[in-house]
Amino acid sequence: MTAQRPLFGPRTAAARRRRIGLATMAALAALWLGAASRVHVNASWSDESWGYAAFPLFGEDPEVGDRVLFEPPDSIGSPVPYLKTVRGVPGMTVTIDADGTVRLDGAPAGRAKTHALDGRPLVPVAPGTIPPGHYYLHAEHADSHDSRYAEIGLVAAERILGRAVALPDLPWLGLTGPLAGPQDLGGDEGAEAPR
């Protein structure tokens, strides 16, 4: 009596390995597409990377020192998310000195400028206690457009896209360092301060 071959499925070990290889490649391609859909291009010269990947917080609250991507207020009109570092969490106190120095629980966080690079006036964030579900997001760059200004303000958790991880330079694709510079400000669309 001869052994029957299965009607469906691989008939040899080599065919089974090919199908496993194809399934593995399909799974890796799906993972890559998922990751690529969370990649954001850096539209500012205030940071050294050309882009960032956003990884979900998985229900965790951001902590001081976390780098995050967030959607700026609609009134800003930015086509891209902002990249900032969490400097203030709920319960911390925000104060502003006479010279514009913003302090978080007494420690200096940065200085609020009176005008953006395009000349429009800037209003510092209102002093007070950071409420639940909001965060003070900041970048070290002196021209950063961040929570030190009222138009960004304290960022609600639902606007945070996730933790940000810098992507490596890809010189063969022309992706090295920031893809924008101060010369890219101009016109009404590029008039906001750098991110």
N, C-alpha and C. Protein backbone atom coordinates (compact mmCIF):
# COMPACT_ATOMS: atom_id res chain seq x y z
N MET A 1 0.84 -1.17 0.00
CA MET A 1 0.00 0.00 0.00
C MET A 1 0.89 1.25 0.00
N THR A 2 0.56 2.22 -0.82
CA THR A 2 1.36 3.44 -0.91
C THR A 2 0.74 4.53 -0.06
N ALA A 3 1.62 5.41 0.46
CA ALA A 3 1.15 6.52 1.30
C ALA A 3 0.46 7.56 0.43
N GLN A 4 -0.66 8.07 0.91
CA GLN A 4 -1.39 9.09 0.16
C GLN A 4 -0.80 10.46 0.44
N ARG A 5 -0.74 11.26 -0.60
CA ARG A 5 -0.29 12.63 -0.45
C ARG A 5 -1.47 13.51 -0.06
N PRO A 6 -1.23 14.54 0.75
CA PRO A 6 -2.35 15.41 1.11
C PRO A 6 -2.84 16.18 -0.11
N LEU A 7 -4.15 16.42 -0.14
CA LEU A 7 -4.74 17.17 -1.24
C LEU A 7 -4.26 18.62 -1.24
N PHE A 8 -4.19 19.22 -0.07
CA PHE A 8 -3.78 20.61 0.06
C PHE A 8 -2.51 20.67 0.89
N GLY A 9 -1.73 21.75 0.70
CA GLY A 9 -0.53 21.94 1.50
C GLY A 9 0.69 21.42 0.77
N PRO A 10 1.84 21.69 1.36
CA PRO A 10 3.09 21.31 0.73
C PRO A 10 3.23 19.80 0.65
N ARG A 11 3.80 19.33 -0.44
CA ARG A 11 3.98 17.90 -0.65
C ARG A 11 5.39 17.46 -0.32
N THR A 12 6.30 18.46 -0.22
CA THR A 12 7.68 18.12 0.12
C THR A 12 8.18 19.08 1.18
N ALA A 13 9.30 18.71 1.79
CA ALA A 13 9.89 19.59 2.79
C ALA A 13 10.31 20.91 2.17
N ALA A 14 10.83 20.88 0.95
CA ALA A 14 11.26 22.11 0.28
C ALA A 14 10.07 23.04 0.03
N ALA A 15 8.96 22.50 -0.37
CA ALA A 15 7.76 23.31 -0.61
C ALA A 15 7.26 23.90 0.71
N ARG A 16 7.33 23.13 1.77
CA ARG A 16 6.91 23.62 3.08
C ARG A 16 7.81 24.79 3.53
N ARG A 17 9.12 24.67 3.30
CA ARG A 17 10.05 25.75 3.65
C ARG A 17 9.76 27.00 2.82
N ARG A 18 9.44 26.82 1.54
CA ARG A 18 9.11 27.98 0.70
C ARG A 18 7.88 28.70 1.24
N ARG A 19 6.88 27.96 1.63
CA ARG A 19 5.65 28.58 2.15
C ARG A 19 5.91 29.28 3.48
N ILE A 20 6.73 28.68 4.32
CA ILE A 20 7.09 29.33 5.59
C ILE A 20 7.87 30.60 5.31
N GLY A 21 8.79 30.56 4.35
CA GLY A 21 9.57 31.75 3.98
C GLY A 21 8.66 32.85 3.45
N LEU A 22 7.70 32.49 2.59
CA LEU A 22 6.77 33.50 2.07
C LEU A 22 5.91 34.09 3.19
N ALA A 23 5.45 33.26 4.10
CA ALA A 23 4.64 33.75 5.22
C ALA A 23 5.47 34.69 6.09
N THR A 24 6.72 34.34 6.32
CA THR A 24 7.61 35.19 7.12
C THR A 24 7.83 36.53 6.43
N MET A 25 8.08 36.50 5.12
CA MET A 25 8.28 37.74 4.37
C MET A 25 7.01 38.60 4.39
N ALA A 26 5.85 37.99 4.28
CA ALA A 26 4.60 38.74 4.33
C ALA A 26 4.40 39.38 5.70
N ALA A 27 4.73 38.65 6.76
CA ALA A 27 4.60 39.19 8.11
C ALA A 27 5.57 40.35 8.32
N LEU A 28 6.81 40.22 7.84
CA LEU A 28 7.78 41.31 7.96
C LEU A 28 7.36 42.53 7.15
N ALA A 29 6.80 42.29 5.97
CA ALA A 29 6.32 43.41 5.15
C ALA A 29 5.17 44.13 5.86
N ALA A 30 4.28 43.38 6.50
CA ALA A 30 3.17 44.00 7.24
C ALA A 30 3.69 44.82 8.41
N LEU A 31 4.68 44.29 9.12
CA LEU A 31 5.29 45.04 10.22
C LEU A 31 5.95 46.32 9.72
N TRP A 32 6.67 46.21 8.58
CA TRP A 32 7.34 47.38 8.02
C TRP A 32 6.31 48.43 7.62
N LEU A 33 5.23 48.03 6.98
CA LEU A 33 4.19 48.98 6.58
C LEU A 33 3.56 49.64 7.80
N GLY A 34 3.35 48.86 8.85
CA GLY A 34 2.80 49.43 10.08
C GLY A 34 3.74 50.45 10.68
N ALA A 35 5.02 50.13 10.69
CA ALA A 35 6.02 51.07 11.23
C ALA A 35 6.14 52.29 10.35
N ALA A 36 6.14 52.10 9.04
CA ALA A 36 6.28 53.22 8.11
C ALA A 36 5.11 54.18 8.23
N SER A 37 3.95 53.69 8.58
CA SER A 37 2.80 54.57 8.71
C SER A 37 2.91 55.44 9.96
N ARG A 38 3.83 55.13 10.83
CA ARG A 38 4.05 55.91 12.05
C ARG A 38 5.34 56.73 11.97
N VAL A 39 5.90 56.87 10.77
CA VAL A 39 7.12 57.65 10.58
C VAL A 39 6.73 59.09 10.23
N HIS A 40 7.40 60.03 10.89
CA HIS A 40 7.13 61.45 10.66
C HIS A 40 8.44 62.15 10.31
N VAL A 41 8.39 62.98 9.29
CA VAL A 41 9.56 63.72 8.84
C VAL A 41 9.77 64.91 9.77
N ASN A 42 11.02 65.17 10.12
CA ASN A 42 11.38 66.30 10.95
C ASN A 42 11.36 67.56 10.09
N ALA A 43 10.44 68.46 10.38
CA ALA A 43 10.31 69.69 9.60
C ALA A 43 11.00 70.87 10.26
N SER A 44 11.96 70.60 11.14
CA SER A 44 12.65 71.66 11.86
C SER A 44 14.15 71.42 11.84
N TRP A 45 14.92 72.49 11.88
CA TRP A 45 16.36 72.37 11.96
C TRP A 45 16.83 72.30 13.40
N SER A 46 15.91 72.36 14.37
CA SER A 46 16.31 72.40 15.77
C SER A 46 16.64 71.02 16.32
N ASP A 47 16.58 70.01 15.49
CA ASP A 47 16.92 68.66 15.92
C ASP A 47 17.77 68.03 14.83
N GLU A 48 18.56 67.04 15.16
CA GLU A 48 19.56 66.50 14.25
C GLU A 48 19.09 65.37 13.34
N SER A 49 17.90 64.84 13.53
CA SER A 49 17.46 63.69 12.75
C SER A 49 16.49 64.11 11.64
N TRP A 50 16.47 63.33 10.56
CA TRP A 50 15.56 63.64 9.44
C TRP A 50 14.13 63.19 9.73
N GLY A 51 13.96 62.22 10.63
CA GLY A 51 12.62 61.72 10.92
C GLY A 51 12.57 60.93 12.20
N TYR A 52 11.34 60.67 12.61
CA TYR A 52 11.08 59.95 13.86
C TYR A 52 9.96 58.95 13.66
N ALA A 53 10.04 57.86 14.40
CA ALA A 53 8.95 56.90 14.45
C ALA A 53 8.23 57.11 15.77
N ALA A 54 6.91 57.07 15.73
CA ALA A 54 6.10 57.23 16.95
C ALA A 54 5.64 55.85 17.39
N PHE A 55 5.92 55.53 18.64
CA PHE A 55 5.49 54.26 19.21
C PHE A 55 4.43 54.52 20.27
N PRO A 56 3.33 53.79 20.23
CA PRO A 56 2.23 54.05 21.17
C PRO A 56 2.69 53.99 22.63
N LEU A 57 1.98 54.72 23.46
CA LEU A 57 2.29 54.74 24.89
C LEU A 57 1.69 53.53 25.61
N PHE A 58 0.80 52.79 24.96
CA PHE A 58 0.16 51.61 25.53
C PHE A 58 -0.46 51.90 26.90
N GLY A 59 -1.18 53.02 26.97
CA GLY A 59 -1.90 53.35 28.19
C GLY A 59 -1.05 53.94 29.29
N GLU A 60 0.26 54.03 29.10
CA GLU A 60 1.13 54.64 30.10
C GLU A 60 1.12 56.15 29.94
N ASP A 61 1.30 56.84 31.04
CA ASP A 61 1.42 58.30 30.97
C ASP A 61 2.86 58.65 30.61
N PRO A 62 3.05 59.68 29.77
CA PRO A 62 4.42 60.12 29.48
C PRO A 62 5.10 60.59 30.76
N GLU A 63 6.40 60.41 30.83
CA GLU A 63 7.17 60.83 32.00
C GLU A 63 8.17 61.90 31.60
N VAL A 64 8.64 62.65 32.59
CA VAL A 64 9.65 63.68 32.35
C VAL A 64 10.84 63.02 31.66
N GLY A 65 11.30 63.62 30.56
CA GLY A 65 12.42 63.10 29.79
C GLY A 65 12.01 62.31 28.56
N ASP A 66 10.75 61.88 28.48
CA ASP A 66 10.28 61.16 27.28
C ASP A 66 10.22 62.12 26.10
N ARG A 67 10.71 61.66 24.94
CA ARG A 67 10.53 62.43 23.71
C ARG A 67 9.24 61.95 23.07
N VAL A 68 8.40 62.89 22.68
CA VAL A 68 7.11 62.54 22.12
C VAL A 68 6.83 63.35 20.85
N LEU A 69 5.98 62.79 20.02
CA LEU A 69 5.42 63.51 18.87
C LEU A 69 3.99 63.87 19.24
N PHE A 70 3.58 65.10 18.89
CA PHE A 70 2.20 65.49 19.19
C PHE A 70 1.66 66.38 18.09
N GLU A 71 0.35 66.38 17.99
CA GLU A 71 -0.34 67.25 17.03
C GLU A 71 -0.48 68.63 17.66
N PRO A 72 0.12 69.66 17.05
CA PRO A 72 -0.05 71.01 17.60
C PRO A 72 -1.50 71.47 17.41
N PRO A 73 -1.91 72.51 18.12
CA PRO A 73 -3.29 73.00 17.97
C PRO A 73 -3.62 73.29 16.51
N ASP A 74 -4.87 73.08 16.15
CA ASP A 74 -5.32 73.31 14.77
C ASP A 74 -5.06 74.74 14.32
N SER A 75 -5.12 75.69 15.25
CA SER A 75 -4.93 77.10 14.90
C SER A 75 -3.52 77.38 14.38
N ILE A 76 -2.56 76.51 14.68
CA ILE A 76 -1.19 76.69 14.21
C ILE A 76 -1.11 76.40 12.71
N GLY A 77 -1.91 75.45 12.24
CA GLY A 77 -1.91 75.11 10.82
C GLY A 77 -0.71 74.30 10.37
N SER A 78 -0.07 73.60 11.28
CA SER A 78 1.10 72.81 10.91
C SER A 78 0.68 71.51 10.23
N PRO A 79 1.28 71.20 9.07
CA PRO A 79 0.95 69.95 8.39
C PRO A 79 1.65 68.73 9.00
N VAL A 80 2.57 68.97 9.93
CA VAL A 80 3.33 67.87 10.53
C VAL A 80 3.26 67.96 12.05
N PRO A 81 3.42 66.82 12.73
CA PRO A 81 3.44 66.85 14.19
C PRO A 81 4.72 67.50 14.70
N TYR A 82 4.68 67.92 15.95
CA TYR A 82 5.85 68.51 16.61
C TYR A 82 6.54 67.42 17.43
N LEU A 83 7.86 67.55 17.55
CA LEU A 83 8.68 66.66 18.37
C LEU A 83 9.17 67.47 19.56
N LYS A 84 8.88 67.02 20.77
CA LYS A 84 9.32 67.73 21.97
C LYS A 84 9.65 66.71 23.06
N THR A 85 10.24 67.23 24.15
CA THR A 85 10.54 66.41 25.31
C THR A 85 9.59 66.79 26.43
N VAL A 86 9.08 65.81 27.16
CA VAL A 86 8.21 66.07 28.30
C VAL A 86 9.07 66.66 29.41
N ARG A 87 8.73 67.88 29.81
CA ARG A 87 9.46 68.54 30.91
C ARG A 87 8.57 68.73 32.12
N GLY A 88 7.25 68.78 31.90
CA GLY A 88 6.33 68.98 33.01
C GLY A 88 5.16 68.01 32.94
N VAL A 89 4.79 67.47 34.08
CA VAL A 89 3.69 66.50 34.17
C VAL A 89 2.61 67.05 35.12
N PRO A 90 1.44 66.45 35.12
CA PRO A 90 0.37 66.94 35.99
C PRO A 90 0.83 67.09 37.44
N GLY A 91 0.42 68.23 38.03
CA GLY A 91 0.76 68.53 39.41
C GLY A 91 1.94 69.46 39.56
N MET A 92 2.76 69.60 38.52
CA MET A 92 3.91 70.52 38.60
C MET A 92 3.41 71.95 38.42
N THR A 93 4.16 72.90 38.99
CA THR A 93 3.80 74.31 38.92
C THR A 93 4.63 75.02 37.86
N VAL A 94 3.94 75.80 37.02
CA VAL A 94 4.58 76.60 35.98
C VAL A 94 4.56 78.06 36.43
N THR A 95 5.74 78.70 36.45
CA THR A 95 5.82 80.13 36.75
C THR A 95 6.66 80.80 35.66
N ILE A 96 6.46 82.11 35.51
CA ILE A 96 7.21 82.89 34.52
C ILE A 96 7.83 84.08 35.23
N ASP A 97 9.16 84.22 35.13
CA ASP A 97 9.87 85.36 35.71
C ASP A 97 9.66 86.60 34.83
N ALA A 98 10.04 87.75 35.36
CA ALA A 98 9.90 89.02 34.63
C ALA A 98 10.69 89.02 33.32
N ASP A 99 11.81 88.27 33.26
CA ASP A 99 12.61 88.23 32.04
C ASP A 99 12.14 87.17 31.05
N GLY A 100 11.02 86.50 31.35
CA GLY A 100 10.48 85.48 30.44
C GLY A 100 10.94 84.07 30.73
N THR A 101 11.74 83.88 31.77
CA THR A 101 12.19 82.52 32.11
C THR A 101 11.01 81.72 32.64
N VAL A 102 10.76 80.59 32.00
CA VAL A 102 9.69 79.69 32.43
C VAL A 102 10.31 78.70 33.41
N ARG A 103 9.65 78.52 34.54
CA ARG A 103 10.14 77.59 35.56
C ARG A 103 9.10 76.52 35.83
N LEU A 104 9.60 75.32 36.05
CA LEU A 104 8.74 74.18 36.42
C LEU A 104 9.16 73.75 37.82
N ASP A 105 8.24 73.90 38.77
CA ASP A 105 8.55 73.62 40.18
C ASP A 105 9.81 74.35 40.61
N GLY A 106 10.00 75.58 40.14
CA GLY A 106 11.12 76.41 40.53
C GLY A 106 12.38 76.26 39.68
N ALA A 107 12.50 75.18 38.93
CA ALA A 107 13.69 74.96 38.10
C ALA A 107 13.49 75.59 36.72
N PRO A 108 14.49 76.32 36.21
CA PRO A 108 14.32 76.95 34.89
C PRO A 108 14.18 75.91 33.78
N ALA A 109 13.19 76.13 32.92
CA ALA A 109 12.95 75.22 31.78
C ALA A 109 13.39 75.86 30.48
N GLY A 110 13.34 77.16 30.39
CA GLY A 110 13.70 77.86 29.17
C GLY A 110 13.18 79.29 29.24
N ARG A 111 13.55 80.07 28.27
CA ARG A 111 13.12 81.47 28.25
C ARG A 111 12.14 81.69 27.10
N ALA A 112 11.02 82.29 27.41
CA ALA A 112 10.02 82.62 26.38
C ALA A 112 10.45 83.92 25.69
N LYS A 113 10.50 83.88 24.38
CA LYS A 113 10.85 85.07 23.61
C LYS A 113 9.61 85.94 23.42
N THR A 114 9.82 87.19 23.10
CA THR A 114 8.69 88.10 22.89
C THR A 114 8.14 88.04 21.47
N HIS A 115 9.01 87.58 20.52
CA HIS A 115 8.58 87.53 19.12
C HIS A 115 9.13 86.27 18.44
N ALA A 116 8.38 85.75 17.51
CA ALA A 116 8.81 84.60 16.71
C ALA A 116 9.81 85.08 15.66
N LEU A 117 10.44 84.16 14.99
CA LEU A 117 11.41 84.51 13.95
C LEU A 117 10.79 85.34 12.83
N ASP A 118 9.49 85.16 12.60
CA ASP A 118 8.82 85.92 11.54
C ASP A 118 8.32 87.28 12.03
N GLY A 119 8.60 87.61 13.30
CA GLY A 119 8.25 88.93 13.84
C GLY A 119 6.93 89.01 14.58
N ARG A 120 6.11 87.98 14.52
CA ARG A 120 4.83 88.08 15.21
C ARG A 120 5.04 87.94 16.71
N PRO A 121 4.21 88.63 17.51
CA PRO A 121 4.37 88.59 18.96
C PRO A 121 4.01 87.21 19.53
N LEU A 122 4.72 86.85 20.58
CA LEU A 122 4.46 85.60 21.28
C LEU A 122 4.05 85.89 22.72
N VAL A 123 3.07 85.18 23.20
CA VAL A 123 2.57 85.34 24.57
C VAL A 123 3.02 84.12 25.37
N PRO A 124 3.64 84.33 26.54
CA PRO A 124 4.06 83.18 27.34
C PRO A 124 2.86 82.39 27.86
N VAL A 125 3.12 81.13 28.17
CA VAL A 125 2.10 80.26 28.73
C VAL A 125 1.62 80.86 30.07
N ALA A 126 0.37 80.62 30.41
CA ALA A 126 -0.16 81.12 31.68
C ALA A 126 0.44 80.34 32.85
N PRO A 127 0.84 81.03 33.90
CA PRO A 127 1.35 80.31 35.07
C PRO A 127 0.23 79.55 35.78
N GLY A 128 0.62 78.52 36.50
CA GLY A 128 -0.36 77.73 37.25
C GLY A 128 0.13 76.30 37.41
N THR A 129 -0.78 75.45 37.86
CA THR A 129 -0.47 74.04 38.06
C THR A 129 -0.89 73.26 36.82
N ILE A 130 -0.04 72.35 36.36
CA ILE A 130 -0.38 71.53 35.19
C ILE A 130 -1.52 70.59 35.59
N PRO A 131 -2.66 70.67 34.90
CA PRO A 131 -3.81 69.85 35.28
C PRO A 131 -3.66 68.40 34.83
N PRO A 132 -4.47 67.51 35.39
CA PRO A 132 -4.43 66.10 34.97
C PRO A 132 -4.65 65.98 33.46
N GLY A 133 -3.91 65.06 32.85
CA GLY A 133 -4.07 64.80 31.42
C GLY A 133 -3.39 65.81 30.52
N HIS A 134 -2.54 66.68 31.06
CA HIS A 134 -1.83 67.68 30.27
C HIS A 134 -0.33 67.64 30.60
N TYR A 135 0.47 68.12 29.63
CA TYR A 135 1.92 68.03 29.76
C TYR A 135 2.58 69.29 29.22
N TYR A 136 3.68 69.67 29.86
CA TYR A 136 4.50 70.77 29.38
C TYR A 136 5.56 70.13 28.49
N LEU A 137 5.53 70.43 27.19
CA LEU A 137 6.45 69.85 26.21
C LEU A 137 7.40 70.94 25.74
N HIS A 138 8.67 70.58 25.65
CA HIS A 138 9.72 71.59 25.48
C HIS A 138 10.85 71.04 24.62
N ALA A 139 11.56 71.92 23.94
CA ALA A 139 12.80 71.57 23.25
C ALA A 139 13.86 72.57 23.68
N GLU A 140 15.11 72.15 23.71
CA GLU A 140 16.19 73.00 24.19
C GLU A 140 16.53 74.15 23.25
N HIS A 141 16.17 74.03 21.98
CA HIS A 141 16.49 75.06 21.00
C HIS A 141 15.83 76.38 21.41
N ALA A 142 16.58 77.47 21.37
CA ALA A 142 16.07 78.78 21.82
C ALA A 142 14.84 79.23 21.03
N ASP A 143 14.72 78.81 19.77
CA ASP A 143 13.60 79.22 18.94
C ASP A 143 12.50 78.17 18.87
N SER A 144 12.55 77.19 19.74
CA SER A 144 11.54 76.14 19.72
C SER A 144 10.14 76.70 19.97
N HIS A 145 9.20 76.21 19.23
CA HIS A 145 7.79 76.61 19.37
C HIS A 145 7.15 75.53 20.23
N ASP A 146 7.06 75.77 21.53
CA ASP A 146 6.65 74.72 22.45
C ASP A 146 5.73 75.25 23.54
N SER A 147 5.62 74.51 24.63
CA SER A 147 4.67 74.86 25.70
C SER A 147 5.00 76.15 26.43
N ARG A 148 6.15 76.73 26.20
CA ARG A 148 6.44 78.02 26.86
C ARG A 148 5.57 79.13 26.29
N TYR A 149 4.90 78.88 25.15
CA TYR A 149 4.05 79.88 24.51
C TYR A 149 2.58 79.46 24.59
N ALA A 150 1.73 80.47 24.83
CA ALA A 150 0.30 80.21 25.01
C ALA A 150 -0.34 79.52 23.81
N GLU A 151 0.13 79.82 22.58
CA GLU A 151 -0.51 79.22 21.41
C GLU A 151 -0.28 77.71 21.32
N ILE A 152 0.75 77.19 21.99
CA ILE A 152 0.93 75.74 22.12
C ILE A 152 0.35 75.31 23.46
N GLY A 153 0.81 75.97 24.52
CA GLY A 153 0.28 75.73 25.86
C GLY A 153 0.57 74.33 26.38
N LEU A 154 -0.16 73.96 27.39
CA LEU A 154 -0.03 72.63 27.97
C LEU A 154 -0.76 71.66 27.05
N VAL A 155 -0.10 70.59 26.66
CA VAL A 155 -0.62 69.69 25.63
C VAL A 155 -1.44 68.56 26.26
N ALA A 156 -2.66 68.40 25.77
CA ALA A 156 -3.55 67.33 26.25
C ALA A 156 -3.02 65.97 25.80
N ALA A 157 -3.17 64.99 26.66
CA ALA A 157 -2.67 63.63 26.38
C ALA A 157 -3.21 63.08 25.06
N GLU A 158 -4.44 63.41 24.70
CA GLU A 158 -5.01 62.85 23.46
C GLU A 158 -4.35 63.40 22.21
N ARG A 159 -3.59 64.48 22.31
CA ARG A 159 -2.87 65.02 21.16
C ARG A 159 -1.49 64.41 20.99
N ILE A 160 -1.05 63.64 21.99
CA ILE A 160 0.27 63.00 21.92
C ILE A 160 0.15 61.73 21.08
N LEU A 161 0.96 61.65 20.01
CA LEU A 161 0.90 60.51 19.09
C LEU A 161 1.68 59.30 19.61
N GLY A 162 2.68 59.54 20.43
CA GLY A 162 3.46 58.43 20.99
C GLY A 162 4.88 58.86 21.28
N ARG A 163 5.64 57.92 21.84
CA ARG A 163 7.06 58.17 22.11
C ARG A 163 7.79 58.25 20.78
N ALA A 164 8.78 59.12 20.71
CA ALA A 164 9.52 59.33 19.47
C ALA A 164 10.89 58.68 19.54
N VAL A 165 11.24 57.97 18.48
CA VAL A 165 12.56 57.37 18.34
C VAL A 165 13.16 57.90 17.05
N ALA A 166 14.37 58.48 17.15
CA ALA A 166 15.04 59.04 15.98
C ALA A 166 15.38 57.94 14.99
N LEU A 167 15.19 58.22 13.72
CA LEU A 167 15.53 57.28 12.66
C LEU A 167 16.97 57.52 12.20
N PRO A 168 17.67 56.45 11.85
CA PRO A 168 19.07 56.62 11.41
C PRO A 168 19.15 57.31 10.05
N ASP A 169 20.29 57.96 9.81
CA ASP A 169 20.53 58.57 8.50
C ASP A 169 20.55 57.50 7.42
N LEU A 170 19.97 57.82 6.27
CA LEU A 170 19.96 56.93 5.11
C LEU A 170 20.51 57.72 3.92
N PRO A 171 21.85 57.87 3.85
CA PRO A 171 22.44 58.74 2.83
C PRO A 171 22.09 58.35 1.40
N TRP A 172 21.94 57.06 1.11
CA TRP A 172 21.62 56.63 -0.25
C TRP A 172 20.23 57.06 -0.68
N LEU A 173 19.38 57.47 0.29
CA LEU A 173 18.06 58.00 -0.04
C LEU A 173 18.00 59.52 0.13
N GLY A 174 19.14 60.11 0.49
CA GLY A 174 19.17 61.55 0.71
C GLY A 174 18.56 61.96 2.04
N LEU A 175 18.43 61.03 2.97
CA LEU A 175 17.83 61.32 4.27
C LEU A 175 18.93 61.40 5.33
N THR A 176 19.47 62.60 5.49
CA THR A 176 20.51 62.81 6.49
C THR A 176 20.24 64.12 7.21
N GLY A 177 20.29 64.09 8.51
CA GLY A 177 20.09 65.30 9.31
C GLY A 177 18.74 65.93 9.07
N PRO A 178 18.52 67.12 9.62
CA PRO A 178 17.23 67.79 9.43
C PRO A 178 17.01 68.13 7.96
N LEU A 179 15.77 68.02 7.52
CA LEU A 179 15.44 68.27 6.12
C LEU A 179 14.98 69.71 5.89
N ALA A 180 15.01 70.53 6.94
CA ALA A 180 14.61 71.93 6.82
C ALA A 180 15.65 72.79 7.50
N GLY A 181 15.66 74.06 7.14
CA GLY A 181 16.56 75.01 7.76
C GLY A 181 15.87 76.33 7.94
N PRO A 182 16.53 77.29 8.60
CA PRO A 182 15.89 78.59 8.82
C PRO A 182 15.45 79.26 7.53
N GLN A 183 16.15 78.98 6.44
CA GLN A 183 15.77 79.57 5.15
C GLN A 183 14.43 79.04 4.65
N ASP A 184 13.94 77.96 5.21
CA ASP A 184 12.67 77.38 4.77
C ASP A 184 11.46 78.11 5.35
N LEU A 185 11.68 79.00 6.31
CA LEU A 185 10.58 79.82 6.81
C LEU A 185 10.26 80.85 5.74
N GLY A 186 8.99 81.08 5.52
CA GLY A 186 8.62 82.09 4.54
C GLY A 186 7.19 81.93 4.14
N GLY A 187 6.59 82.97 3.66
CA GLY A 187 5.19 82.90 3.28
C GLY A 187 4.34 82.67 4.51
N ASP A 188 3.03 82.61 4.30
CA ASP A 188 2.12 82.44 5.41
C ASP A 188 2.19 81.03 6.01
N GLU A 189 2.42 80.02 5.18
CA GLU A 189 2.41 78.66 5.69
C GLU A 189 3.62 78.34 6.53
N GLY A 190 4.79 78.92 6.21
CA GLY A 190 6.00 78.61 6.97
C GLY A 190 6.31 79.66 8.01
N ALA A 191 5.34 80.49 8.37
CA ALA A 191 5.63 81.62 9.23
C ALA A 191 5.72 81.26 10.70
N GLU A 192 5.25 80.10 11.12
CA GLU A 192 5.33 79.82 12.53
C GLU A 192 6.76 79.57 12.95
N ALA A 193 7.00 79.72 14.23
CA ALA A 193 8.35 79.52 14.76
C ALA A 193 8.74 78.06 14.55
N PRO A 194 10.04 77.77 14.56
CA PRO A 194 10.48 76.40 14.34
C PRO A 194 9.98 75.47 15.41
N ARG A 195 9.97 74.19 15.09
CA ARG A 195 9.47 73.17 15.98
C ARG A 195 10.59 72.47 16.65
